[in-house]
Amino acid sequence: MHWYVEPLQVPDQMEALVNWLTENIDQHHPIIIAALIHYNLVRIHAFDDGNGSGSRILMNLILMKQDFSQQ
């Protein structure tokens, strides 16, 4: 079973996710970071529409900034 964050918790959860990314981006393998960010952005369900699309864009941005290209 998958549970989304309660709507009132979204701002705090988004802030925690951004803080976690800032603190950990260089501490773990880029694929691990990208996967965790993707999962958690979907879990937080921060947008009325486009959670999957937004999560994939952010995941790809993280990978591109770490020199992982889509080949």
Protein backbone atom coordinates (compact mmCIF):
# COMPACT_ATOMS: atom_id res chain seq x y z
CA MET A 1 0.00 0.00 0.00
CA HIS A 2 1.31 3.45 -0.90
CA TRP A 3 0.42 6.44 1.28
CA TYR A 4 0.77 10.04 0.18
CA VAL A 5 1.64 12.87 2.54
CA GLU A 6 -1.33 14.72 4.03
CA PRO A 7 -1.89 18.04 2.19
CA LEU A 8 -1.09 20.13 5.27
CA GLN A 9 2.31 18.40 5.54
CA VAL A 10 3.33 19.16 1.93
CA PRO A 11 5.23 22.43 2.62
CA ASP A 12 7.26 20.92 5.47
CA GLN A 13 7.93 17.72 3.54
CA MET A 14 9.06 19.67 0.45
CA GLU A 15 11.39 21.77 2.58
CA ALA A 16 12.82 18.63 4.17
CA LEU A 17 13.31 17.05 0.74
CA VAL A 18 15.15 20.10 -0.61
CA ASN A 19 17.31 20.26 2.51
CA TRP A 20 18.10 16.54 2.25
CA LEU A 21 19.07 16.95 -1.41
CA THR A 22 21.29 19.93 -0.65
CA GLU A 23 23.08 18.07 2.13
CA ASN A 24 23.42 14.72 0.33
CA ILE A 25 23.86 15.42 -3.38
CA ASP A 26 27.61 14.79 -3.22
CA GLN A 27 27.50 12.13 -0.49
CA HIS A 28 25.92 9.26 -2.44
CA HIS A 29 25.94 7.84 -5.94
CA PRO A 30 23.90 10.04 -8.33
CA ILE A 31 21.57 7.18 -9.25
CA ILE A 32 20.70 6.64 -5.57
CA ILE A 33 20.07 10.37 -5.08
CA ALA A 34 17.94 10.58 -8.24
CA ALA A 35 15.88 7.53 -7.28
CA LEU A 36 15.24 8.76 -3.74
CA ILE A 37 14.27 12.23 -4.94
CA HIS A 38 11.94 10.75 -7.56
CA TYR A 39 10.21 8.46 -5.07
CA ASN A 40 9.86 11.12 -2.38
CA LEU A 41 8.55 13.82 -4.70
CA VAL A 42 5.84 11.41 -5.88
CA ARG A 43 5.17 10.38 -2.26
CA ILE A 44 4.82 13.99 -1.15
CA HIS A 45 2.41 14.55 -4.05
CA ALA A 46 3.23 18.23 -4.13
CA PHE A 47 1.24 19.10 -7.24
CA ASP A 48 -2.41 18.60 -8.22
CA ASP A 49 -1.22 17.26 -11.56
CA GLY A 50 2.14 16.24 -12.96
CA ASN A 51 3.73 14.59 -9.94
CA GLY A 52 5.16 11.79 -12.07
CA SER A 53 6.32 14.15 -14.81
CA GLY A 54 7.83 16.61 -12.35
CA SER A 55 9.57 13.81 -10.48
CA ARG A 56 11.08 12.39 -13.67
CA ILE A 57 12.26 15.84 -14.77
CA LEU A 58 13.93 16.43 -11.40
CA MET A 59 15.46 12.94 -11.47
CA ASN A 60 16.87 13.54 -14.96
CA LEU A 61 18.17 16.99 -13.98
CA ILE A 62 20.05 15.49 -11.05
CA LEU A 63 21.57 12.83 -13.29
CA MET A 64 22.51 15.35 -15.99
CA LYS A 65 24.17 17.68 -13.47
CA GLN A 66 26.22 14.68 -12.26
CA ASP A 67 27.32 13.93 -15.86
CA PHE A 68 25.01 10.98 -16.40
CA SER A 69 23.60 11.27 -19.89
CA GLN A 70 20.71 9.42 -21.47
CA GLN A 71 22.33 7.27 -24.11
